Each structure stands twice: as structure tokens, then as C-alpha cells.
Amino acid sequence: MQNATYLESRFPIVDYENASDAVKEIYDNTKRTLQIPFVLNWFKCQGSNPILLAGNWAKLKATLMQGNVPNVLKQLIIYNVSKKRNCSYCAEAHGIFADSMSNLVNETANFKVTENLDSPMIPESFRTAIKVVTKAALHSNQINDEDFKALSDAGFDESEIQELMAQADLVNMLNTLADVSGIKIDNELMEAQA
């Protein structure tokens, strides 16, 4: 008989109430940093392994939530790569996060940034970054000097280019863990989107 904690994941889903104090501290930090009132399944499926959770959260927090590149652009990169790779959890979750920031990209009524990735309604610099970093995530061995020049020509400085390229690495980690764990999209995220 299958254990109830595995119904939505190949790893135990550790809810906040059942988490150790160390895991609760990380969960609280994810909620504060992401500005959401719940813990995402991506974190809960790591809740039985506090060391793994702490390391993955530190990487995600530094790479996605800090730095000079706008968070909405980082979310769009992760959304785009996840969609191309058919990682349904990450495509759905990061699409919701990106769409919640659509007004930072374009103030047109009912504008959804995820539906306009190739549109001139999105800054050229964003379109260039999405294209180049998606290439880096999917085919890192094909990145060349022209790709770096394209990012530079789009207005990104060296530090920002490093930050953008780090998204390629981050999305690979996010997609791998989401896919191998078999997690489903969070009900709370779906409700927030509705």
C-alpha cells in the first residue's frame, strides 16, 4: 500500500506542521522572500532532507531573488526554459510569478507577459536575454562569443551577464528536482492565478 505522503510526489511532502524546527525556519524564509503566505511544493518535497533544502534554497534565493537583473526577467527565463523542456511544475509556477509582475514590463490592460515573449511589447533587452539564456540552459556547449556580445549590446554589463547565465544553471536544477520528484502545481498558486 502506498504511503499517503507520496501521493503527490516521489519524495515525502513535508507540510509546515510536520516539519522540524530547522525546516520550518527555511520554510518561513521562503514565504517571506517570495512574498507568499504558503510553502511551495518544490520546497516541501525536500523537507525531509534539511541539508539539501538549505543548500537548494540558498542557491535559489541568491540566484533568482537577489542581484541587479529584474526578477520578472529571471522568472520569464525560467518559465521559457521550463516550457521548452516540458517541466510542467516549473513552467506553471514561474509563469504565474512572471504574469503577476506583467505591469512591470508593460502597463497595457490585461497584458500577460508570458503570452508575449516575442512581442515588441516586451523590451528588446528582455527578448535577447530570454533567447540567449534559454540557449545556455538547453545547449550550453553552443554558447559563443556572439551570444555574450548580444547581451552586452542589449545593455547588460558583465555582472548582469553572469547573473543571467546563472539562471541557466538554476533552471536546470529547478526542472530536474521538479521532474524527478513528480510534484504537482500548488493549489494555492492556482487559486492566486484565478
C-alpha atoms as a PDB file:
ATOM      1  CA  MET A   1       0.000   0.000   0.000  1.00  0.00           C
ATOM      2  CA  GLN A   2       1.294   3.448  -0.928  1.00  0.00           C
ATOM      3  CA  ASN A   3       2.120   5.822   1.898  1.00  0.00           C
ATOM      4  CA  ALA A   4      -0.177   8.879   1.856  1.00  0.00           C
ATOM      5  CA  THR A   5       2.789  11.286   1.932  1.00  0.00           C
ATOM      6  CA  TYR A   6       3.843  10.040  -1.516  1.00  0.00           C
ATOM      7  CA  LEU A   7       0.538  10.598  -3.320  1.00  0.00           C
ATOM      8  CA  GLU A   8       1.696  13.841  -4.957  1.00  0.00           C
ATOM      9  CA  SER A   9       5.441  13.234  -5.000  1.00  0.00           C
ATOM     10  CA  ARG A  10       8.081  10.539  -5.174  1.00  0.00           C
ATOM     11  CA  PHE A  11       9.625  12.190  -2.102  1.00  0.00           C
ATOM     12  CA  PRO A  12       7.730  12.821   1.128  1.00  0.00           C
ATOM     13  CA  ILE A  13       5.828  16.092   1.106  1.00  0.00           C
ATOM     14  CA  VAL A  14       6.603  17.643   4.484  1.00  0.00           C
ATOM     15  CA  ASP A  15       3.907  20.139   5.415  1.00  0.00           C
ATOM     16  CA  TYR A  16       4.774  23.037   7.680  1.00  0.00           C
ATOM     17  CA  GLU A  17       3.017  21.468  10.675  1.00  0.00           C
ATOM     18  CA  ASN A  18       5.107  18.281  10.391  1.00  0.00           C
ATOM     19  CA  ALA A  19       8.446  19.970   9.662  1.00  0.00           C
ATOM     20  CA  SER A  20      11.397  20.080  12.037  1.00  0.00           C
ATOM     21  CA  ASP A  21      12.308  23.443  13.544  1.00  0.00           C
ATOM     22  CA  ALA A  22      15.238  23.801  11.113  1.00  0.00           C
ATOM     23  CA  VAL A  23      12.972  23.125   8.134  1.00  0.00           C
ATOM     24  CA  LYS A  24      10.276  25.473   9.473  1.00  0.00           C
ATOM     25  CA  GLU A  25      12.887  28.231   9.629  1.00  0.00           C
ATOM     26  CA  ILE A  26      13.717  27.701   5.942  1.00  0.00           C
ATOM     27  CA  TYR A  27      10.033  27.461   5.042  1.00  0.00           C
ATOM     28  CA  ASP A  28       9.398  30.788   6.817  1.00  0.00           C
ATOM     29  CA  ASN A  29      12.290  32.344   4.920  1.00  0.00           C
ATOM     30  CA  THR A  30      10.898  31.131   1.569  1.00  0.00           C
ATOM     31  CA  LYS A  31       7.489  32.625   2.350  1.00  0.00           C
ATOM     32  CA  ARG A  32       8.976  35.981   3.385  1.00  0.00           C
ATOM     33  CA  THR A  33      11.357  36.175   0.443  1.00  0.00           C
ATOM     34  CA  LEU A  34       8.841  35.073  -2.184  1.00  0.00           C
ATOM     35  CA  GLN A  35       6.106  37.157  -0.511  1.00  0.00           C
ATOM     36  CA  ILE A  36       3.589  34.317  -0.462  1.00  0.00           C
ATOM     37  CA  PRO A  37       1.610  33.000   2.529  1.00  0.00           C
ATOM     38  CA  PHE A  38       2.335  29.292   1.905  1.00  0.00           C
ATOM     39  CA  VAL A  39       5.219  26.914   1.248  1.00  0.00           C
ATOM     40  CA  LEU A  40       5.630  25.744  -2.338  1.00  0.00           C
ATOM     41  CA  ASN A  41       5.605  22.014  -3.097  1.00  0.00           C
ATOM     42  CA  TRP A  42       9.099  22.410  -4.604  1.00  0.00           C
ATOM     43  CA  PHE A  43      10.373  23.098  -1.079  1.00  0.00           C
ATOM     44  CA  LYS A  44       8.054  20.689   0.736  1.00  0.00           C
ATOM     45  CA  CYS A  45       9.333  17.729  -1.309  1.00  0.00           C
ATOM     46  CA  GLN A  46      12.789  18.473   0.181  1.00  0.00           C
ATOM     47  CA  GLY A  47      11.541  18.937   3.736  1.00  0.00           C
ATOM     48  CA  SER A  48      12.699  15.503   4.863  1.00  0.00           C
ATOM     49  CA  ASN A  49      16.295  16.453   3.975  1.00  0.00           C
ATOM     50  CA  PRO A  50      17.154  19.729   5.754  1.00  0.00           C
ATOM     51  CA  ILE A  51      20.703  19.911   4.362  1.00  0.00           C
ATOM     52  CA  LEU A  52      19.531  19.544   0.756  1.00  0.00           C
ATOM     53  CA  LEU A  53      16.696  22.010   1.344  1.00  0.00           C
ATOM     54  CA  ALA A  54      19.046  24.583   2.900  1.00  0.00           C
ATOM     55  CA  GLY A  55      21.526  24.328   0.035  1.00  0.00           C
ATOM     56  CA  ASN A  56      18.926  24.477  -2.711  1.00  0.00           C
ATOM     57  CA  TRP A  57      17.121  27.393  -1.048  1.00  0.00           C
ATOM     58  CA  ALA A  58      20.390  29.329  -0.632  1.00  0.00           C
ATOM     59  CA  LYS A  59      21.167  28.859  -4.330  1.00  0.00           C
ATOM     60  CA  LEU A  60      17.647  29.755  -5.473  1.00  0.00           C
ATOM     61  CA  LYS A  61      17.446  32.785  -3.177  1.00  0.00           C
ATOM     62  CA  ALA A  62      20.811  34.199  -4.268  1.00  0.00           C
ATOM     63  CA  THR A  63      20.381  33.463  -7.970  1.00  0.00           C
ATOM     64  CA  LEU A  64      16.708  34.274  -8.500  1.00  0.00           C
ATOM     65  CA  MET A  65      15.803  36.767  -5.797  1.00  0.00           C
ATOM     66  CA  GLN A  66      18.963  38.873  -5.457  1.00  0.00           C
ATOM     67  CA  GLY A  67      21.105  40.857  -7.869  1.00  0.00           C
ATOM     68  CA  ASN A  68      20.584  43.634 -10.406  1.00  0.00           C
ATOM     69  CA  VAL A  69      18.663  41.805 -13.154  1.00  0.00           C
ATOM     70  CA  PRO A  70      14.902  42.348 -12.693  1.00  0.00           C
ATOM     71  CA  ASN A  71      13.175  39.397 -11.064  1.00  0.00           C
ATOM     72  CA  VAL A  72      10.471  39.403 -13.729  1.00  0.00           C
ATOM     73  CA  LEU A  73      13.127  38.738 -16.399  1.00  0.00           C
ATOM     74  CA  LYS A  74      14.589  35.889 -14.372  1.00  0.00           C
ATOM     75  CA  GLN A  75      11.105  34.406 -13.910  1.00  0.00           C
ATOM     76  CA  LEU A  76      10.498  34.675 -17.670  1.00  0.00           C
ATOM     77  CA  ILE A  77      13.733  32.861 -18.437  1.00  0.00           C
ATOM     78  CA  ILE A  78      12.831  30.033 -16.057  1.00  0.00           C
ATOM     79  CA  TYR A  79       9.303  29.928 -17.463  1.00  0.00           C
ATOM     80  CA  ASN A  80      10.550  29.785 -21.067  1.00  0.00           C
ATOM     81  CA  VAL A  81      13.155  27.076 -20.473  1.00  0.00           C
ATOM     82  CA  SER A  82      10.731  25.032 -18.363  1.00  0.00           C
ATOM     83  CA  LYS A  83       8.063  25.260 -21.065  1.00  0.00           C
ATOM     84  CA  LYS A  84      10.507  24.140 -23.770  1.00  0.00           C
ATOM     85  CA  ARG A  85      11.691  21.296 -21.564  1.00  0.00           C
ATOM     86  CA  ASN A  86       8.093  20.295 -20.667  1.00  0.00           C
ATOM     87  CA  CYS A  87       8.647  20.728 -16.940  1.00  0.00           C
ATOM     88  CA  SER A  88       5.020  21.400 -16.138  1.00  0.00           C
ATOM     89  CA  TYR A  89       5.545  22.331 -12.479  1.00  0.00           C
ATOM     90  CA  CYS A  90       8.201  24.976 -13.152  1.00  0.00           C
ATOM     91  CA  ALA A  91       6.525  26.331 -16.280  1.00  0.00           C
ATOM     92  CA  GLU A  92       3.254  26.757 -14.411  1.00  0.00           C
ATOM     93  CA  ALA A  93       4.736  28.175 -11.192  1.00  0.00           C
ATOM     94  CA  HIS A  94       7.194  30.596 -12.790  1.00  0.00           C
ATOM     95  CA  GLY A  95       4.618  31.597 -15.378  1.00  0.00           C
ATOM     96  CA  ILE A  96       2.273  32.597 -12.558  1.00  0.00           C
ATOM     97  CA  PHE A  97       5.040  34.551 -10.810  1.00  0.00           C
ATOM     98  CA  ALA A  98       6.046  36.289 -14.059  1.00  0.00           C
ATOM     99  CA  ASP A  99       2.460  37.134 -15.008  1.00  0.00           C
ATOM    100  CA  SER A 100       1.890  38.630 -11.554  1.00  0.00           C
ATOM    101  CA  MET A 101       4.617  41.152 -12.476  1.00  0.00           C
ATOM    102  CA  SER A 102       3.370  41.852 -16.025  1.00  0.00           C
ATOM    103  CA  ASN A 103       2.700  45.517 -15.228  1.00  0.00           C
ATOM    104  CA  LEU A 104       6.441  45.995 -14.604  1.00  0.00           C
ATOM    105  CA  VAL A 105       7.020  45.113 -18.263  1.00  0.00           C
ATOM    106  CA  ASN A 106       4.015  46.714 -19.932  1.00  0.00           C
ATOM    107  CA  GLU A 107       1.091  48.598 -18.395  1.00  0.00           C
ATOM    108  CA  THR A 108      -1.405  47.631 -21.104  1.00  0.00           C
ATOM    109  CA  ALA A 109      -4.651  46.352 -19.552  1.00  0.00           C
ATOM    110  CA  ASN A 110      -4.876  42.549 -19.278  1.00  0.00           C
ATOM    111  CA  PHE A 111      -1.295  42.199 -20.557  1.00  0.00           C
ATOM    112  CA  LYS A 112       0.217  38.809 -19.708  1.00  0.00           C
ATOM    113  CA  VAL A 113       3.956  38.815 -20.149  1.00  0.00           C
ATOM    114  CA  THR A 114       4.156  35.031 -20.669  1.00  0.00           C
ATOM    115  CA  GLU A 115       1.863  35.290 -23.696  1.00  0.00           C
ATOM    116  CA  ASN A 116       4.036  37.979 -25.314  1.00  0.00           C
ATOM    117  CA  LEU A 117       7.617  36.721 -25.075  1.00  0.00           C
ATOM    118  CA  ASP A 118       8.382  37.522 -28.728  1.00  0.00           C
ATOM    119  CA  SER A 119       6.288  40.670 -28.859  1.00  0.00           C
ATOM    120  CA  PRO A 120       7.681  44.201 -29.201  1.00  0.00           C
ATOM    121  CA  MET A 121       5.535  44.897 -26.121  1.00  0.00           C
ATOM    122  CA  ILE A 122       8.469  43.398 -24.186  1.00  0.00           C
ATOM    123  CA  PRO A 123      11.773  45.311 -24.150  1.00  0.00           C
ATOM    124  CA  GLU A 124      14.325  44.162 -26.714  1.00  0.00           C
ATOM    125  CA  SER A 125      16.820  43.555 -23.896  1.00  0.00           C
ATOM    126  CA  PHE A 126      14.397  41.084 -22.266  1.00  0.00           C
ATOM    127  CA  ARG A 127      13.797  39.258 -25.549  1.00  0.00           C
ATOM    128  CA  THR A 128      17.555  38.977 -26.143  1.00  0.00           C
ATOM    129  CA  ALA A 129      18.209  37.705 -22.608  1.00  0.00           C
ATOM    130  CA  ILE A 130      15.405  35.151 -22.810  1.00  0.00           C
ATOM    131  CA  LYS A 131      16.720  33.842 -26.133  1.00  0.00           C
ATOM    132  CA  VAL A 132      20.388  33.635 -25.121  1.00  0.00           C
ATOM    133  CA  VAL A 133      19.863  32.214 -21.640  1.00  0.00           C
ATOM    134  CA  THR A 134      17.355  29.659 -22.924  1.00  0.00           C
ATOM    135  CA  LYS A 135      20.046  28.548 -25.364  1.00  0.00           C
ATOM    136  CA  ALA A 136      22.542  28.351 -22.483  1.00  0.00           C
ATOM    137  CA  ALA A 137      20.184  26.207 -20.407  1.00  0.00           C
ATOM    138  CA  LEU A 138      19.256  23.828 -23.227  1.00  0.00           C
ATOM    139  CA  HIS A 139      22.547  23.757 -25.170  1.00  0.00           C
ATOM    140  CA  SER A 140      25.325  25.208 -23.015  1.00  0.00           C
ATOM    141  CA  ASN A 141      28.025  23.828 -25.312  1.00  0.00           C
ATOM    142  CA  GLN A 142      26.664  26.013 -28.135  1.00  0.00           C
ATOM    143  CA  ILE A 143      27.050  29.342 -26.334  1.00  0.00           C
ATOM    144  CA  ASN A 144      29.597  31.518 -28.113  1.00  0.00           C
ATOM    145  CA  ASP A 145      31.126  34.994 -28.056  1.00  0.00           C
ATOM    146  CA  GLU A 146      28.318  36.335 -30.260  1.00  0.00           C
ATOM    147  CA  ASP A 147      25.806  35.394 -27.555  1.00  0.00           C
ATOM    148  CA  PHE A 148      27.775  37.360 -24.966  1.00  0.00           C
ATOM    149  CA  LYS A 149      28.060  40.276 -27.396  1.00  0.00           C
ATOM    150  CA  ALA A 150      24.287  40.194 -27.969  1.00  0.00           C
ATOM    151  CA  LEU A 151      23.717  40.511 -24.212  1.00  0.00           C
ATOM    152  CA  SER A 152      26.261  43.313 -23.965  1.00  0.00           C
ATOM    153  CA  ASP A 153      24.737  45.117 -26.950  1.00  0.00           C
ATOM    154  CA  ALA A 154      21.326  44.769 -25.256  1.00  0.00           C
ATOM    155  CA  GLY A 155      22.671  46.830 -22.365  1.00  0.00           C
ATOM    156  CA  PHE A 156      23.715  44.226 -19.796  1.00  0.00           C
ATOM    157  CA  ASP A 157      27.042  44.735 -18.033  1.00  0.00           C
ATOM    158  CA  GLU A 158      29.452  41.916 -17.157  1.00  0.00           C
ATOM    159  CA  SER A 159      27.979  41.333 -13.707  1.00  0.00           C
ATOM    160  CA  GLU A 160      24.432  41.214 -15.102  1.00  0.00           C
ATOM    161  CA  ILE A 161      25.518  38.781 -17.832  1.00  0.00           C
ATOM    162  CA  GLN A 162      26.935  36.470 -15.159  1.00  0.00           C
ATOM    163  CA  GLU A 163      23.675  36.804 -13.258  1.00  0.00           C
ATOM    164  CA  LEU A 164      21.667  35.988 -16.386  1.00  0.00           C
ATOM    165  CA  MET A 165      23.798  32.953 -17.200  1.00  0.00           C
ATOM    166  CA  ALA A 166      23.344  31.727 -13.630  1.00  0.00           C
ATOM    167  CA  GLN A 167      19.637  31.420 -14.444  1.00  0.00           C
ATOM    168  CA  ALA A 168      20.541  28.693 -16.971  1.00  0.00           C
ATOM    169  CA  ASP A 169      22.125  26.670 -14.198  1.00  0.00           C
ATOM    170  CA  LEU A 170      19.315  27.446 -11.752  1.00  0.00           C
ATOM    171  CA  VAL A 171      16.525  26.411 -14.106  1.00  0.00           C
ATOM    172  CA  ASN A 172      18.278  23.111 -14.786  1.00  0.00           C
ATOM    173  CA  MET A 173      18.317  22.405 -11.033  1.00  0.00           C
ATOM    174  CA  LEU A 174      14.701  23.531 -10.604  1.00  0.00           C
ATOM    175  CA  ASN A 175      13.459  21.427 -13.534  1.00  0.00           C
ATOM    176  CA  THR A 176      15.414  18.335 -12.532  1.00  0.00           C
ATOM    177  CA  LEU A 177      14.121  18.317  -8.966  1.00  0.00           C
ATOM    178  CA  ALA A 178      10.537  19.084 -10.001  1.00  0.00           C
ATOM    179  CA  ASP A 179      10.516  16.377 -12.667  1.00  0.00           C
ATOM    180  CA  VAL A 180      12.191  13.606 -10.680  1.00  0.00           C
ATOM    181  CA  SER A 181      10.065  14.291  -7.599  1.00  0.00           C
ATOM    182  CA  GLY A 182       6.814  14.257  -9.576  1.00  0.00           C
ATOM    183  CA  ILE A 183       5.372  17.209  -7.667  1.00  0.00           C
ATOM    184  CA  LYS A 184       2.158  18.818  -8.844  1.00  0.00           C
ATOM    185  CA  ILE A 185       1.405  22.508  -9.049  1.00  0.00           C
ATOM    186  CA  ASP A 186       0.378  24.070  -5.752  1.00  0.00           C
ATOM    187  CA  ASN A 187      -3.358  24.558  -5.243  1.00  0.00           C
ATOM    188  CA  GLU A 188      -2.583  27.910  -3.601  1.00  0.00           C
ATOM    189  CA  LEU A 189      -0.769  29.116  -6.728  1.00  0.00           C
ATOM    190  CA  MET A 190      -3.651  28.051  -8.944  1.00  0.00           C
ATOM    191  CA  GLU A 191      -6.128  29.856  -6.690  1.00  0.00           C
ATOM    192  CA  ALA A 192      -3.984  33.002  -6.714  1.00  0.00           C
ATOM    193  CA  GLN A 193      -3.991  32.944 -10.522  1.00  0.00           C
ATOM    194  CA  ALA A 194      -7.772  32.601 -10.779  1.00  0.00           C
END
